[in-house]
């Protein structure tokens, strides 16, 4: 039972982080203004953050039904 609770807690935590990531994109947060992003080439930063957005959306679409119907 502890393993099940732990797995579900991790999954819900990741879904919350994904939702925050999508929310930051909706409010047009400037990710290039972050300290680490300023030290990297701008095209690389845009590509990384776009990939992160796609992964977050995929996480939400694929794993939300598992949490809701479990």
Protein backbone atom coordinates (compact mmCIF):
# COMPACT_ATOMS: atom_id res chain seq x y z
CA UNK A 1 0.00 0.00 0.00
CA UNK A 2 2.90 2.40 0.74
CA UNK A 3 4.36 1.88 -2.73
CA UNK A 4 1.01 2.67 -4.31
CA UNK A 5 0.60 5.84 -2.28
CA UNK A 6 4.16 6.89 -3.05
CA UNK A 7 3.77 6.31 -6.80
CA UNK A 8 0.52 8.25 -6.87
CA UNK A 9 2.05 11.11 -4.85
CA UNK A 10 4.94 11.37 -7.29
CA UNK A 11 2.58 11.31 -10.27
CA UNK A 12 0.35 14.02 -8.82
CA UNK A 13 3.41 16.13 -7.98
CA UNK A 14 4.67 15.85 -11.56
CA UNK A 15 1.23 16.77 -12.90
CA UNK A 16 1.14 19.85 -10.67
CA UNK A 17 4.58 20.91 -11.91
CA UNK A 18 3.45 20.37 -15.50
CA UNK A 19 0.37 22.49 -14.92
CA UNK A 20 2.54 25.27 -13.46
CA UNK A 21 4.79 25.08 -16.53
CA UNK A 22 1.81 25.43 -18.88
CA UNK A 23 0.43 28.28 -16.75
CA UNK A 24 3.74 30.14 -17.01
CA UNK A 25 3.52 29.83 -20.78
CA UNK A 26 -0.07 31.13 -20.79
CA UNK A 27 0.86 34.25 -18.80
CA UNK A 28 3.81 34.76 -21.20
CA UNK A 29 6.57 34.38 -18.62
CA UNK A 30 9.93 35.29 -20.17
CA UNK A 31 12.07 32.20 -19.66
CA UNK A 32 15.04 33.85 -21.35
CA UNK A 33 15.29 36.25 -18.40
CA UNK A 34 16.21 33.45 -16.00
CA UNK A 35 19.86 33.54 -14.80
CA UNK A 36 20.86 30.23 -16.39
CA UNK A 37 19.06 31.05 -19.64
CA UNK A 38 20.94 34.34 -20.02
CA UNK A 39 24.25 32.48 -20.18
CA UNK A 40 23.15 30.17 -23.01
CA UNK A 41 22.58 30.97 -26.68
CA UNK A 42 19.05 32.35 -27.24
CA UNK A 43 18.06 29.83 -29.93
CA UNK A 44 19.08 26.94 -27.68
CA UNK A 45 17.06 28.40 -24.80
CA UNK A 46 13.95 28.78 -26.98
CA UNK A 47 14.28 25.20 -28.20
CA UNK A 48 14.74 23.81 -24.69
CA UNK A 49 11.76 25.68 -23.28
CA UNK A 50 9.54 24.73 -26.22
CA UNK A 51 10.46 21.09 -25.68
CA UNK A 52 9.66 21.46 -21.98
CA UNK A 53 6.25 22.87 -22.85
CA UNK A 54 5.50 19.94 -25.16
CA UNK A 55 6.60 17.45 -22.51
CA UNK A 56 4.42 19.16 -19.91
CA UNK A 57 1.36 19.10 -22.16
CA UNK A 58 2.02 15.44 -22.98
CA UNK A 59 2.36 14.60 -19.30
CA UNK A 60 -0.96 16.26 -18.54
CA UNK A 61 -2.77 14.56 -21.43
CA UNK A 62 -1.37 11.10 -20.79
CA UNK A 63 -1.40 10.82 -17.01
CA UNK A 64 -4.37 12.90 -15.83
CA UNK A 65 -6.87 10.17 -16.75
CA UNK A 66 -4.84 7.67 -14.73
CA UNK A 67 -5.07 9.88 -11.65
CA UNK A 68 -8.75 10.70 -12.14
CA UNK A 69 -9.97 7.17 -12.79
CA UNK A 70 -7.76 5.27 -10.39
